[in-house]
Amino acid sequence: QLYKDALRRRFLESWYNMEDMYWHGATGAELIELPDDNYNKHC
């Protein structure tokens, strides 16, 4: 969460990189959504 903007930029850059297709897990990709807390998800 401290690096939200920079992290979103890195994800955008990965959208069309074939090496990152295993992360996205589909034929398309979406921006990462970071939670406002750390109760159910740690990022």
All heavy atoms as atom14 arrays in JSON, in Angstrom:
{
  "sequence": "QLYKDALRRRFLESWYNMEDMYWHGATGAELIELPDDNYNKHC",
  "atom14_mask": [
    [1, 1, 1, 1, 1, 1, 1, 1, 1, 0, 0, 0, 0, 0],
    [1, 1, 1, 1, 1, 1, 1, 1, 0, 0, 0, 0, 0, 0],
    [1, 1, 1, 1, 1, 1, 1, 1, 1, 1, 1, 1, 0, 0],
    [1, 1, 1, 1, 1, 1, 1, 1, 1, 0, 0, 0, 0, 0],
    [1, 1, 1, 1, 1, 1, 1, 1, 0, 0, 0, 0, 0, 0],
    [1, 1, 1, 1, 1, 0, 0, 0, 0, 0, 0, 0, 0, 0],
    [1, 1, 1, 1, 1, 1, 1, 1, 0, 0, 0, 0, 0, 0],
    [1, 1, 1, 1, 1, 1, 1, 1, 1, 1, 1, 0, 0, 0],
    [1, 1, 1, 1, 1, 1, 1, 1, 1, 1, 1, 0, 0, 0],
    [1, 1, 1, 1, 1, 1, 1, 1, 1, 1, 1, 0, 0, 0],
    [1, 1, 1, 1, 1, 1, 1, 1, 1, 1, 1, 0, 0, 0],
    [1, 1, 1, 1, 1, 1, 1, 1, 0, 0, 0, 0, 0, 0],
    [1, 1, 1, 1, 1, 1, 1, 1, 1, 0, 0, 0, 0, 0],
    [1, 1, 1, 1, 1, 1, 0, 0, 0, 0, 0, 0, 0, 0],
    [1, 1, 1, 1, 1, 1, 1, 1, 1, 1, 1, 1, 1, 1],
    [1, 1, 1, 1, 1, 1, 1, 1, 1, 1, 1, 1, 0, 0],
    [1, 1, 1, 1, 1, 1, 1, 1, 0, 0, 0, 0, 0, 0],
    [1, 1, 1, 1, 1, 1, 1, 1, 0, 0, 0, 0, 0, 0],
    [1, 1, 1, 1, 1, 1, 1, 1, 1, 0, 0, 0, 0, 0],
    [1, 1, 1, 1, 1, 1, 1, 1, 0, 0, 0, 0, 0, 0],
    [1, 1, 1, 1, 1, 1, 1, 1, 0, 0, 0, 0, 0, 0],
    [1, 1, 1, 1, 1, 1, 1, 1, 1, 1, 1, 1, 0, 0],
    [1, 1, 1, 1, 1, 1, 1, 1, 1, 1, 1, 1, 1, 1],
    [1, 1, 1, 1, 1, 1, 1, 1, 1, 1, 0, 0, 0, 0],
    [1, 1, 1, 1, 0, 0, 0, 0, 0, 0, 0, 0, 0, 0],
    [1, 1, 1, 1, 1, 0, 0, 0, 0, 0, 0, 0, 0, 0],
    [1, 1, 1, 1, 1, 1, 1, 0, 0, 0, 0, 0, 0, 0],
    [1, 1, 1, 1, 0, 0, 0, 0, 0, 0, 0, 0, 0, 0],
    [1, 1, 1, 1, 1, 0, 0, 0, 0, 0, 0, 0, 0, 0],
    [1, 1, 1, 1, 1, 1, 1, 1, 1, 0, 0, 0, 0, 0],
    [1, 1, 1, 1, 1, 1, 1, 1, 0, 0, 0, 0, 0, 0],
    [1, 1, 1, 1, 1, 1, 1, 1, 0, 0, 0, 0, 0, 0],
    [1, 1, 1, 1, 1, 1, 1, 1, 1, 0, 0, 0, 0, 0],
    [1, 1, 1, 1, 1, 1, 1, 1, 0, 0, 0, 0, 0, 0],
    [1, 1, 1, 1, 1, 1, 1, 0, 0, 0, 0, 0, 0, 0],
    [1, 1, 1, 1, 1, 1, 1, 1, 0, 0, 0, 0, 0, 0],
    [1, 1, 1, 1, 1, 1, 1, 1, 0, 0, 0, 0, 0, 0],
    [1, 1, 1, 1, 1, 1, 1, 1, 0, 0, 0, 0, 0, 0],
    [1, 1, 1, 1, 1, 1, 1, 1, 1, 1, 1, 1, 0, 0],
    [1, 1, 1, 1, 1, 1, 1, 1, 0, 0, 0, 0, 0, 0],
    [1, 1, 1, 1, 1, 1, 1, 1, 1, 0, 0, 0, 0, 0],
    [1, 1, 1, 1, 1, 1, 1, 1, 1, 1, 0, 0, 0, 0],
    [1, 1, 1, 1, 1, 1, 0, 0, 0, 0, 0, 0, 0, 0]
  ],
  "atom14_positions": [
    [[0.81, -1.21, 0.0], [0.0, 0.0, 0.0], [0.85, 1.27, 0.0], [0.43, 2.3, -0.5], [-0.96, 0.0, 1.2], [-2.08, -1.01, 1.07], [-1.69, -2.44, 1.47], [-0.52, -2.77, 1.67], [-2.68, -3.3, 1.59], [0.0, 0.0, 0.0], [0.0, 0.0, 0.0], [0.0, 0.0, 0.0], [0.0, 0.0, 0.0], [0.0, 0.0, 0.0]],
    [[2.07, 1.2, 0.53], [2.97, 2.34, 0.54], [3.51, 2.67, -0.85], [4.03, 3.76, -1.08], [4.15, 2.09, 1.48], [3.81, 1.93, 2.96], [5.05, 1.52, 3.75], [3.23, 3.23, 3.51], [0.0, 0.0, 0.0], [0.0, 0.0, 0.0], [0.0, 0.0, 0.0], [0.0, 0.0, 0.0], [0.0, 0.0, 0.0], [0.0, 0.0, 0.0]],
    [[3.39, 1.72, -1.78], [3.95, 1.85, -3.13], [2.85, 1.69, -4.19], [3.13, 1.27, -5.31], [5.04, 0.8, -3.34], [6.22, 0.99, -2.44], [6.22, 0.5, -1.13], [7.35, 1.68, -2.87], [7.3, 0.68, -0.29], [8.44, 1.87, -2.03], [8.41, 1.36, -0.74], [9.48, 1.55, 0.1], [0.0, 0.0, 0.0], [0.0, 0.0, 0.0]],
    [[1.64, 2.04, -3.84], [0.47, 1.77, -4.69], [0.64, 2.27, -6.13], [0.44, 1.52, -7.07], [-0.78, 2.38, -4.06], [-2.05, 2.07, -4.8], [-3.24, 2.63, -4.06], [-4.53, 2.26, -4.77], [-5.7, 2.71, -4.01], [0.0, 0.0, 0.0], [0.0, 0.0, 0.0], [0.0, 0.0, 0.0], [0.0, 0.0, 0.0], [0.0, 0.0, 0.0]],
    [[0.99, 3.52, -6.31], [1.08, 4.08, -7.66], [2.2, 3.43, -8.47], [2.0, 3.08, -9.64], [1.27, 5.6, -7.61], [0.03, 6.31, -7.08], [-1.07, 5.74, -7.19], [0.19, 7.42, -6.54], [0.0, 0.0, 0.0], [0.0, 0.0, 0.0], [0.0, 0.0, 0.0], [0.0, 0.0, 0.0], [0.0, 0.0, 0.0], [0.0, 0.0, 0.0]],
    [[3.36, 3.28, -7.87], [4.48, 2.65, -8.58], [4.18, 1.19, -8.91], [4.52, 0.7, -9.99], [5.76, 2.75, -7.74], [0.0, 0.0, 0.0], [0.0, 0.0, 0.0], [0.0, 0.0, 0.0], [0.0, 0.0, 0.0], [0.0, 0.0, 0.0], [0.0, 0.0, 0.0], [0.0, 0.0, 0.0], [0.0, 0.0, 0.0], [0.0, 0.0, 0.0]],
    [[3.5, 0.49, -8.0], [3.14, -0.91, -8.23], [2.13, -1.02, -9.36], [2.26, -1.89, -10.23], [2.59, -1.52, -6.95], [2.21, -3.0, -7.01], [3.4, -3.86, -7.39], [1.64, -3.43, -5.67], [0.0, 0.0, 0.0], [0.0, 0.0, 0.0], [0.0, 0.0, 0.0], [0.0, 0.0, 0.0], [0.0, 0.0, 0.0], [0.0, 0.0, 0.0]],
    [[1.15, -0.16, -9.39], [0.16, -0.19, -10.47], [0.83, 0.04, -11.82], [0.49, -0.59, -12.82], [-0.94, 0.83, -10.22], [-1.86, 0.42, -9.08], [-2.84, 1.53, -8.7], [-3.81, 1.82, -9.74], [-5.02, 1.3, -9.8], [-5.42, 0.46, -8.87], [-5.84, 1.63, -10.77], [0.0, 0.0, 0.0], [0.0, 0.0, 0.0], [0.0, 0.0, 0.0]],
    [[1.81, 0.92, -11.85], [2.55, 1.18, -13.1], [3.3, -0.08, -13.55], [3.29, -0.43, -14.72], [3.51, 2.35, -12.9], [4.3, 2.68, -14.15], [5.15, 3.93, -13.94], [5.89, 4.24, -15.12], [5.4, 4.87, -16.18], [4.16, 5.28, -16.19], [6.16, 5.12, -17.23], [0.0, 0.0, 0.0], [0.0, 0.0, 0.0], [0.0, 0.0, 0.0]],
    [[3.95, -0.76, -12.6], [4.67, -2.0, -12.94], [3.71, -3.06, -13.49], [4.03, -3.79, -14.42], [5.42, -2.56, -11.73], [6.55, -1.72, -11.2], [7.65, -1.39, -12.21], [8.31, -2.5, -12.82], [9.51, -2.96, -12.56], [10.21, -2.39, -11.61], [10.02, -3.96, -13.22], [0.0, 0.0, 0.0], [0.0, 0.0, 0.0], [0.0, 0.0, 0.0]],
    [[2.5, -3.15, -12.91], [1.51, -4.1, -13.41], [1.06, -3.74, -14.82], [0.92, -4.61, -15.66], [0.3, -4.18, -12.47], [0.47, -5.21, -11.41], [0.79, -4.84, -10.13], [0.33, -6.56, -11.7], [0.96, -5.8, -9.15], [0.51, -7.52, -10.73], [0.82, -7.13, -9.45], [0.0, 0.0, 0.0], [0.0, 0.0, 0.0], [0.0, 0.0, 0.0]],
    [[0.81, -2.46, -15.05], [0.43, -2.04, -16.41], [1.49, -2.44, -17.42], [1.18, -2.89, -18.52], [0.23, -0.52, -16.45], [-1.12, -0.01, -15.96], [-1.07, 1.49, -15.76], [-2.2, -0.39, -16.95], [0.0, 0.0, 0.0], [0.0, 0.0, 0.0], [0.0, 0.0, 0.0], [0.0, 0.0, 0.0], [0.0, 0.0, 0.0], [0.0, 0.0, 0.0]],
    [[2.75, -2.27, -17.04], [3.85, -2.63, -17.94], [3.9, -4.12, -18.21], [4.41, -4.56, -19.23], [5.18, -2.15, -17.35], [5.32, -0.64, -17.32], [6.51, -0.17, -16.5], [7.19, -1.0, -15.85], [6.77, 1.05, -16.51], [0.0, 0.0, 0.0], [0.0, 0.0, 0.0], [0.0, 0.0, 0.0], [0.0, 0.0, 0.0], [0.0, 0.0, 0.0]],
    [[3.37, -4.93, -17.31], [3.42, -6.39, -17.46], [2.29, -6.95, -18.32], [2.33, -8.11, -18.71], [3.39, -7.06, -16.08], [2.09, -7.04, -15.53], [0.0, 0.0, 0.0], [0.0, 0.0, 0.0], [0.0, 0.0, 0.0], [0.0, 0.0, 0.0], [0.0, 0.0, 0.0], [0.0, 0.0, 0.0], [0.0, 0.0, 0.0], [0.0, 0.0, 0.0]],
    [[1.28, -6.16, -18.61], [0.1, -6.66, -19.3], [0.41, -7.35, -20.63], [-0.24, -8.33, -20.98], [-0.88, -5.53, -19.57], [-1.72, -5.16, -18.39], [-1.64, -5.65, -17.13], [-2.76, -4.21, -18.38], [-2.58, -5.06, -16.32], [-3.28, -4.17, -17.07], [-3.31, -3.37, -19.34], [-4.32, -3.33, -16.69], [-4.35, -2.54, -18.97], [-4.84, -2.53, -17.66]],
    [[1.35, -6.85, -21.38], [1.62, -7.38, -22.72], [2.94, -8.14, -22.79], [3.42, -8.43, -23.87], [1.58, -6.24, -23.74], [0.25, -5.53, -23.71], [0.11, -4.31, -23.05], [-0.87, -6.11, -24.28], [-1.13, -3.68, -22.99], [-2.11, -5.48, -24.22], [-2.23, -4.27, -23.58], [-3.44, -3.66, -23.51], [0.0, 0.0, 0.0], [0.0, 0.0, 0.0]],
    [[3.45, -8.47, -21.63], [4.71, -9.22, -21.57], [4.37, -10.71, -21.45], [3.79, -11.15, -20.46], [5.52, -8.75, -20.36], [6.87, -9.41, -20.26], [7.17, -10.37, -20.97], [7.71, -8.9, -19.38], [0.0, 0.0, 0.0], [0.0, 0.0, 0.0], [0.0, 0.0, 0.0], [0.0, 0.0, 0.0], [0.0, 0.0, 0.0], [0.0, 0.0, 0.0]],
    [[4.75, -11.5, -22.44], [4.44, -12.93, -22.45], [5.05, -13.65, -21.24], [4.49, -14.63, -20.76], [4.91, -13.58, -23.74], [4.09, -13.17, -24.96], [2.37, -13.71, -24.86], [2.55, -15.43, -25.25], [0.0, 0.0, 0.0], [0.0, 0.0, 0.0], [0.0, 0.0, 0.0], [0.0, 0.0, 0.0], [0.0, 0.0, 0.0], [0.0, 0.0, 0.0]],
    [[6.17, -13.17, -20.72], [6.79, -13.8, -19.54], [5.88, -13.7, -18.32], [6.0, -14.5, -17.4], [8.13, -13.13, -19.21], [9.24, -13.47, -20.16], [10.54, -12.8, -19.75], [10.51, -11.85, -18.93], [11.58, -13.25, -20.22], [0.0, 0.0, 0.0], [0.0, 0.0, 0.0], [0.0, 0.0, 0.0], [0.0, 0.0, 0.0], [0.0, 0.0, 0.0]],
    [[4.99, -12.72, -18.29], [4.12, -12.51, -17.14], [2.73, -13.13, -17.3], [1.87, -12.95, -16.44], [3.99, -11.01, -16.85], [5.3, -10.4, -16.41], [6.06, -11.1, -15.7], [5.58, -9.26, -16.79], [0.0, 0.0, 0.0], [0.0, 0.0, 0.0], [0.0, 0.0, 0.0], [0.0, 0.0, 0.0], [0.0, 0.0, 0.0], [0.0, 0.0, 0.0]],
    [[2.52, -13.89, -18.37], [1.18, -14.45, -18.6], [0.79, -15.44, -17.5], [-0.38, -15.63, -17.23], [1.07, -15.11, -19.97], [1.76, -16.43, -20.11], [1.4, -17.1, -21.75], [2.41, -18.55, -21.69], [0.0, 0.0, 0.0], [0.0, 0.0, 0.0], [0.0, 0.0, 0.0], [0.0, 0.0, 0.0], [0.0, 0.0, 0.0], [0.0, 0.0, 0.0]],
    [[1.76, -16.05, -16.85], [1.45, -17.01, -15.79], [0.91, -16.3, -14.55], [0.17, -16.88, -13.77], [2.68, -17.85, -15.44], [3.2, -18.6, -16.65], [4.37, -18.22, -17.27], [2.49, -19.67, -17.16], [4.84, -18.89, -18.38], [2.95, -20.36, -18.27], [4.13, -19.96, -18.87], [4.58, -20.64, -19.97], [0.0, 0.0, 0.0], [0.0, 0.0, 0.0]],
    [[1.29, -15.07, -14.35], [0.76, -14.29, -13.23], [-0.69, -13.9, -13.5], [-1.55, -14.06, -12.66], [1.59, -13.01, -13.01], [0.84, -12.0, -12.21], [0.11, -10.95, -12.69], [0.68, -11.97, -10.79], [-0.47, -10.26, -11.65], [-0.14, -10.87, -10.47], [1.16, -12.76, -9.76], [-0.49, -10.54, -9.17], [0.81, -12.43, -8.46], [0.0, -11.32, -8.18]],
    [[-0.96, -13.38, -14.69], [-2.29, -12.86, -15.0], [-3.33, -13.97, -15.08], [-4.48, -13.76, -14.74], [-2.25, -12.04, -16.29], [-1.36, -10.84, -16.16], [-1.61, -9.81, -15.29], [-0.2, -10.51, -16.79], [-0.65, -8.9, -15.38], [0.21, -9.3, -16.28], [0.0, 0.0, 0.0], [0.0, 0.0, 0.0], [0.0, 0.0, 0.0], [0.0, 0.0, 0.0]],
    [[-2.93, -15.15, -15.54], [-3.8, -16.31, -15.5], [-5.0, -16.26, -16.42], [-5.98, -16.96, -16.18], [0.0, 0.0, 0.0], [0.0, 0.0, 0.0], [0.0, 0.0, 0.0], [0.0, 0.0, 0.0], [0.0, 0.0, 0.0], [0.0, 0.0, 0.0], [0.0, 0.0, 0.0], [0.0, 0.0, 0.0], [0.0, 0.0, 0.0], [0.0, 0.0, 0.0]],
    [[-4.96, -15.46, -17.46], [-6.08, -15.38, -18.4], [-5.57, -14.76, -19.69], [-4.39, -14.45, -19.82], [-7.22, -14.55, -17.81], [0.0, 0.0, 0.0], [0.0, 0.0, 0.0], [0.0, 0.0, 0.0], [0.0, 0.0, 0.0], [0.0, 0.0, 0.0], [0.0, 0.0, 0.0], [0.0, 0.0, 0.0], [0.0, 0.0, 0.0], [0.0, 0.0, 0.0]],
    [[-6.49, -14.54, -20.62], [-6.09, -13.91, -21.88], [-6.01, -12.39, -21.75], [-5.52, -11.72, -22.63], [-7.09, -14.27, -23.0], [-8.4, -13.92, -22.55], [-7.03, -15.74, -23.33], [0.0, 0.0, 0.0], [0.0, 0.0, 0.0], [0.0, 0.0, 0.0], [0.0, 0.0, 0.0], [0.0, 0.0, 0.0], [0.0, 0.0, 0.0], [0.0, 0.0, 0.0]],
    [[-6.49, -11.85, -20.65], [-6.42, -10.42, -20.38], [-5.91, -10.17, -18.98], [-5.57, -11.11, -18.26], [0.0, 0.0, 0.0], [0.0, 0.0, 0.0], [0.0, 0.0, 0.0], [0.0, 0.0, 0.0], [0.0, 0.0, 0.0], [0.0, 0.0, 0.0], [0.0, 0.0, 0.0], [0.0, 0.0, 0.0], [0.0, 0.0, 0.0], [0.0, 0.0, 0.0]],
    [[-5.84, -8.9, -18.6], [-5.31, -8.56, -17.27], [-6.08, -7.37, -16.72], [-6.75, -6.66, -17.45], [-3.83, -8.23, -17.36], [0.0, 0.0, 0.0], [0.0, 0.0, 0.0], [0.0, 0.0, 0.0], [0.0, 0.0, 0.0], [0.0, 0.0, 0.0], [0.0, 0.0, 0.0], [0.0, 0.0, 0.0], [0.0, 0.0, 0.0], [0.0, 0.0, 0.0]],
    [[-5.96, -7.17, -15.43], [-6.58, -6.03, -14.78], [-5.6, -5.44, -13.78], [-4.62, -6.09, -13.39], [-7.87, -6.43, -14.07], [-7.7, -7.53, -13.06], [-9.02, -8.1, -12.56], [-10.03, -7.99, -13.26], [-9.01, -8.64, -11.45], [0.0, 0.0, 0.0], [0.0, 0.0, 0.0], [0.0, 0.0, 0.0], [0.0, 0.0, 0.0], [0.0, 0.0, 0.0]],
    [[-5.85, -4.22, -13.38], [-5.0, -3.58, -12.38], [-5.19, -4.25, -11.03], [-6.28, -4.71, -10.69], [-5.31, -2.09, -12.27], [-4.76, -1.22, -13.38], [-5.24, 0.21, -13.2], [-3.25, -1.27, -13.4], [0.0, 0.0, 0.0], [0.0, 0.0, 0.0], [0.0, 0.0, 0.0], [0.0, 0.0, 0.0], [0.0, 0.0, 0.0], [0.0, 0.0, 0.0]],
    [[-4.15, -4.24, -10.27], [-4.2, -4.81, -8.94], [-5.02, -3.91, -8.02], [-4.96, -2.69, -8.12], [-2.77, -5.0, -8.4], [-2.79, -5.73, -7.08], [-2.06, -3.69, -8.26], [-1.45, -6.17, -6.64], [0.0, 0.0, 0.0], [0.0, 0.0, 0.0], [0.0, 0.0, 0.0], [0.0, 0.0, 0.0], [0.0, 0.0, 0.0], [0.0, 0.0, 0.0]],
    [[-5.8, -4.53, -7.17], [-6.59, -3.8, -6.17], [-6.0, -4.11, -4.8], [-6.04, -5.26, -4.36], [-8.06, -4.21, -6.23], [-8.77, -3.78, -7.5], [-8.88, -2.28, -7.65], [-8.99, -1.57, -6.62], [-8.82, -1.81, -8.8], [0.0, 0.0, 0.0], [0.0, 0.0, 0.0], [0.0, 0.0, 0.0], [0.0, 0.0, 0.0], [0.0, 0.0, 0.0]],
    [[-5.47, -3.13, -4.15], [-4.89, -3.31, -2.82], [-5.95, -2.99, -1.77], [-6.62, -1.96, -1.86], [-3.68, -2.4, -2.63], [-2.5, -2.69, -3.55], [-1.43, -1.61, -3.38], [-1.92, -4.06, -3.28], [0.0, 0.0, 0.0], [0.0, 0.0, 0.0], [0.0, 0.0, 0.0], [0.0, 0.0, 0.0], [0.0, 0.0, 0.0], [0.0, 0.0, 0.0]],
    [[-6.1, -3.84, -0.77], [-7.1, -3.57, 0.27], [-6.66, -2.41, 1.16], [-5.48, -2.07, 1.23], [-7.14, -4.88, 1.06], [-5.81, -5.51, 0.83], [-5.38, -5.1, -0.55], [0.0, 0.0, 0.0], [0.0, 0.0, 0.0], [0.0, 0.0, 0.0], [0.0, 0.0, 0.0], [0.0, 0.0, 0.0], [0.0, 0.0, 0.0], [0.0, 0.0, 0.0]],
    [[-7.62, -1.83, 1.86], [-7.35, -0.74, 2.8], [-7.02, -1.26, 4.19], [-6.91, -0.48, 5.13], [-8.55, 0.21, 2.87], [-8.74, 0.97, 1.58], [-7.75, 1.21, 0.86], [-9.9, 1.34, 1.28], [0.0, 0.0, 0.0], [0.0, 0.0, 0.0], [0.0, 0.0, 0.0], [0.0, 0.0, 0.0], [0.0, 0.0, 0.0], [0.0, 0.0, 0.0]],
    [[-6.93, -2.57, 4.34], [-6.59, -3.17, 5.62], [-5.73, -4.41, 5.36], [-5.43, -4.71, 4.21], [-7.85, -3.54, 6.41], [-8.74, -4.51, 5.65], [-8.23, -5.46, 5.02], [-9.97, -4.35, 5.69], [0.0, 0.0, 0.0], [0.0, 0.0, 0.0], [0.0, 0.0, 0.0], [0.0, 0.0, 0.0], [0.0, 0.0, 0.0], [0.0, 0.0, 0.0]],
    [[-5.35, -5.1, 6.41], [-4.56, -6.32, 6.22], [-5.21, -7.51, 6.92], [-4.54, -8.46, 7.28], [-3.12, -6.13, 6.68], [-2.99, -5.98, 8.18], [-3.98, -5.77, 8.89], [-1.77, -6.06, 8.68], [0.0, 0.0, 0.0], [0.0, 0.0, 0.0], [0.0, 0.0, 0.0], [0.0, 0.0, 0.0], [0.0, 0.0, 0.0], [0.0, 0.0, 0.0]],
    [[-6.52, -7.44, 7.1], [-7.19, -8.51, 7.81], [-7.32, -9.78, 6.96], [-6.94, -10.85, 7.41], [-8.57, -8.05, 8.3], [-9.22, -9.09, 9.18], [-8.76, -9.3, 10.48], [-10.25, -9.88, 8.71], [-9.32, -10.27, 11.29], [-10.83, -10.86, 9.52], [-10.36, -11.05, 10.8], [-10.91, -12.01, 11.59], [0.0, 0.0, 0.0], [0.0, 0.0, 0.0]],
    [[-7.85, -9.66, 5.76], [-8.09, -10.84, 4.92], [-7.04, -11.06, 3.85], [-7.04, -12.09, 3.19], [-9.46, -10.73, 4.24], [-10.58, -10.8, 5.25], [-10.55, -11.6, 6.16], [-11.55, -9.91, 5.09], [0.0, 0.0, 0.0], [0.0, 0.0, 0.0], [0.0, 0.0, 0.0], [0.0, 0.0, 0.0], [0.0, 0.0, 0.0], [0.0, 0.0, 0.0]],
    [[-6.17, -10.09, 3.64], [-5.15, -10.21, 2.61], [-3.92, -9.43, 3.03], [-4.03, -8.3, 3.5], [-5.69, -9.68, 1.27], [-4.77, -9.9, 0.11], [-5.45, -9.55, -1.2], [-4.54, -9.92, -2.36], [-5.22, -9.78, -3.65], [0.0, 0.0, 0.0], [0.0, 0.0, 0.0], [0.0, 0.0, 0.0], [0.0, 0.0, 0.0], [0.0, 0.0, 0.0]],
    [[-2.75, -10.04, 2.86], [-1.48, -9.38, 3.12], [-0.8, -9.14, 1.77], [-0.67, -10.07, 0.98], [-0.57, -10.24, 4.0], [-1.09, -10.4, 5.39], [-0.45, -11.19, 6.31], [-2.15, -9.87, 6.04], [-1.11, -11.15, 7.46], [-2.15, -10.36, 7.31], [0.0, 0.0, 0.0], [0.0, 0.0, 0.0], [0.0, 0.0, 0.0], [0.0, 0.0, 0.0]],
    [[-0.37, -7.91, 1.53], [0.23, -7.51, 0.26], [1.57, -6.82, 0.53], [1.62, -5.87, 1.31], [-0.69, -6.56, -0.49], [-2.35, -7.18, -0.78], [0.0, 0.0, 0.0], [0.0, 0.0, 0.0], [0.0, 0.0, 0.0], [0.0, 0.0, 0.0], [0.0, 0.0, 0.0], [0.0, 0.0, 0.0], [0.0, 0.0, 0.0], [0.0, 0.0, 0.0]]
  ]
}
